[in-house]
Amino acid sequence: MSEKITLELSVYQAAAVRQSLFTDTKGYTYDPTCCPQRVIDIRQAIVSLDEQIEEALKEE
């Protein structure tokens, strides 16, 4: 998928979304060979959120 979107959230909102995504995927293995692509994509989004949350907290 090449289309991207940009979403603006407060740090609190981003952390809440991140936690929800983590909860949704915690029952799946971390082995990418037997994990659904949807879960892999969600985990990539979690990493992106983590990086952006960390950056925002450094600026405070």
N, C-alpha and C. Protein backbone atom coordinates (compact mmCIF):
# COMPACT_ATOMS: atom_id res chain seq x y z
N MET A 1 0.85 -1.17 0.00
CA MET A 1 0.00 0.00 0.00
C MET A 1 0.90 1.23 0.00
N SER A 2 0.73 2.10 -0.96
CA SER A 2 1.60 3.26 -1.07
C SER A 2 0.97 4.54 -0.52
N GLU A 3 -0.33 4.56 -0.37
CA GLU A 3 -0.99 5.75 0.15
C GLU A 3 -0.75 5.86 1.65
N LYS A 4 -0.48 7.07 2.11
CA LYS A 4 -0.22 7.30 3.53
C LYS A 4 -1.13 8.40 4.03
N ILE A 5 -1.38 8.39 5.32
CA ILE A 5 -2.14 9.46 5.96
C ILE A 5 -1.32 10.03 7.11
N THR A 6 -1.62 11.24 7.48
CA THR A 6 -0.99 11.88 8.63
C THR A 6 -2.09 12.16 9.64
N LEU A 7 -1.82 11.84 10.88
CA LEU A 7 -2.81 12.00 11.93
C LEU A 7 -2.15 12.76 13.08
N GLU A 8 -2.80 13.81 13.55
CA GLU A 8 -2.26 14.57 14.68
C GLU A 8 -2.99 14.18 15.95
N LEU A 9 -2.21 13.78 16.96
CA LEU A 9 -2.75 13.36 18.25
C LEU A 9 -1.96 14.03 19.36
N SER A 10 -2.60 14.19 20.50
CA SER A 10 -1.84 14.61 21.68
C SER A 10 -1.00 13.40 22.12
N VAL A 11 -0.01 13.65 22.96
CA VAL A 11 0.81 12.55 23.46
C VAL A 11 -0.07 11.54 24.19
N TYR A 12 -1.03 12.03 24.97
CA TYR A 12 -1.94 11.13 25.69
C TYR A 12 -2.74 10.27 24.72
N GLN A 13 -3.29 10.88 23.68
CA GLN A 13 -4.07 10.13 22.68
C GLN A 13 -3.18 9.09 21.99
N ALA A 14 -1.98 9.49 21.61
CA ALA A 14 -1.06 8.57 20.93
C ALA A 14 -0.74 7.38 21.83
N ALA A 15 -0.51 7.64 23.11
CA ALA A 15 -0.21 6.55 24.05
C ALA A 15 -1.41 5.62 24.21
N ALA A 16 -2.61 6.18 24.23
CA ALA A 16 -3.82 5.36 24.35
C ALA A 16 -4.03 4.50 23.11
N VAL A 17 -3.82 5.07 21.94
CA VAL A 17 -3.94 4.31 20.69
C VAL A 17 -2.88 3.22 20.65
N ARG A 18 -1.66 3.56 21.04
CA ARG A 18 -0.57 2.59 21.06
C ARG A 18 -0.91 1.41 21.97
N GLN A 19 -1.43 1.70 23.15
CA GLN A 19 -1.79 0.63 24.09
C GLN A 19 -2.89 -0.25 23.52
N SER A 20 -3.86 0.35 22.89
CA SER A 20 -4.96 -0.41 22.29
C SER A 20 -4.44 -1.32 21.17
N LEU A 21 -3.56 -0.80 20.33
CA LEU A 21 -2.99 -1.62 19.26
C LEU A 21 -2.16 -2.76 19.84
N PHE A 22 -1.39 -2.47 20.89
CA PHE A 22 -0.58 -3.51 21.52
C PHE A 22 -1.48 -4.61 22.09
N THR A 23 -2.54 -4.21 22.77
CA THR A 23 -3.48 -5.18 23.34
C THR A 23 -4.11 -6.05 22.26
N ASP A 24 -4.43 -5.44 21.13
CA ASP A 24 -5.04 -6.15 20.01
C ASP A 24 -4.12 -7.20 19.41
N THR A 25 -2.81 -6.99 19.50
CA THR A 25 -1.86 -7.90 18.84
C THR A 25 -1.07 -8.79 19.79
N LYS A 26 -1.27 -8.65 21.09
CA LYS A 26 -0.41 -9.38 22.03
C LYS A 26 -0.61 -10.89 22.00
N GLY A 27 -1.71 -11.36 21.46
CA GLY A 27 -1.95 -12.80 21.40
C GLY A 27 -1.26 -13.50 20.24
N TYR A 28 -0.60 -12.72 19.40
CA TYR A 28 0.05 -13.28 18.21
C TYR A 28 1.54 -13.46 18.45
N THR A 29 2.11 -14.43 17.77
CA THR A 29 3.54 -14.67 17.83
C THR A 29 4.31 -13.51 17.19
N TYR A 30 5.58 -13.41 17.49
CA TYR A 30 6.43 -12.41 16.85
C TYR A 30 7.16 -13.00 15.64
N ASP A 31 6.88 -14.25 15.32
CA ASP A 31 7.47 -14.90 14.15
C ASP A 31 6.74 -14.41 12.89
N PRO A 32 7.39 -13.61 12.05
CA PRO A 32 6.71 -13.05 10.88
C PRO A 32 6.29 -14.09 9.84
N THR A 33 6.83 -15.30 9.92
CA THR A 33 6.46 -16.32 8.93
C THR A 33 5.09 -16.93 9.20
N CYS A 34 4.58 -16.78 10.41
CA CYS A 34 3.26 -17.36 10.71
C CYS A 34 2.34 -16.35 11.40
N CYS A 35 2.63 -15.09 11.23
CA CYS A 35 1.83 -14.02 11.81
C CYS A 35 1.07 -13.32 10.68
N PRO A 36 -0.21 -13.00 10.86
CA PRO A 36 -0.96 -12.32 9.80
C PRO A 36 -0.32 -10.97 9.42
N GLN A 37 -0.39 -10.62 8.15
CA GLN A 37 0.19 -9.36 7.67
C GLN A 37 -0.42 -8.17 8.41
N ARG A 38 -1.69 -8.25 8.73
CA ARG A 38 -2.37 -7.18 9.47
C ARG A 38 -1.65 -6.90 10.79
N VAL A 39 -1.26 -7.95 11.49
CA VAL A 39 -0.58 -7.81 12.78
C VAL A 39 0.82 -7.21 12.57
N ILE A 40 1.51 -7.64 11.54
CA ILE A 40 2.83 -7.08 11.22
C ILE A 40 2.70 -5.59 10.95
N ASP A 41 1.69 -5.20 10.17
CA ASP A 41 1.47 -3.78 9.86
C ASP A 41 1.14 -2.98 11.12
N ILE A 42 0.31 -3.55 11.99
CA ILE A 42 -0.05 -2.87 13.24
C ILE A 42 1.19 -2.69 14.11
N ARG A 43 2.03 -3.70 14.17
CA ARG A 43 3.25 -3.60 14.98
C ARG A 43 4.21 -2.54 14.43
N GLN A 44 4.23 -2.37 13.12
CA GLN A 44 5.04 -1.29 12.54
C GLN A 44 4.47 0.07 12.95
N ALA A 45 3.15 0.17 13.01
CA ALA A 45 2.52 1.42 13.45
C ALA A 45 2.84 1.68 14.92
N ILE A 46 2.87 0.64 15.73
CA ILE A 46 3.22 0.78 17.15
C ILE A 46 4.64 1.34 17.29
N VAL A 47 5.57 0.82 16.50
CA VAL A 47 6.95 1.31 16.54
C VAL A 47 7.00 2.80 16.16
N SER A 48 6.26 3.16 15.14
CA SER A 48 6.20 4.56 14.72
C SER A 48 5.64 5.45 15.83
N LEU A 49 4.56 4.99 16.45
CA LEU A 49 3.98 5.74 17.57
C LEU A 49 4.99 5.87 18.72
N ASP A 50 5.67 4.78 19.05
CA ASP A 50 6.67 4.81 20.13
C ASP A 50 7.73 5.87 19.85
N GLU A 51 8.23 5.89 18.61
CA GLU A 51 9.28 6.84 18.24
C GLU A 51 8.77 8.28 18.35
N GLN A 52 7.56 8.52 17.88
CA GLN A 52 7.02 9.88 17.91
C GLN A 52 6.66 10.32 19.34
N ILE A 53 6.16 9.40 20.15
CA ILE A 53 5.87 9.72 21.55
C ILE A 53 7.17 10.07 22.28
N GLU A 54 8.21 9.26 22.06
CA GLU A 54 9.50 9.51 22.70
C GLU A 54 10.05 10.88 22.29
N GLU A 55 9.95 11.20 21.01
CA GLU A 55 10.43 12.50 20.53
C GLU A 55 9.65 13.65 21.16
N ALA A 56 8.34 13.50 21.24
CA ALA A 56 7.50 14.55 21.83
C ALA A 56 7.83 14.75 23.31
N LEU A 57 8.10 13.67 24.02
CA LEU A 57 8.42 13.78 25.44
C LEU A 57 9.78 14.42 25.67
N LYS A 58 10.71 14.22 24.74
CA LYS A 58 12.02 14.87 24.85
C LYS A 58 11.90 16.38 24.74
N GLU A 59 10.92 16.83 23.95
CA GLU A 59 10.74 18.26 23.71
C GLU A 59 10.06 18.97 24.87
N GLU A 60 9.44 18.23 25.77
CA GLU A 60 8.74 18.85 26.90
C GLU A 60 9.69 19.33 27.96
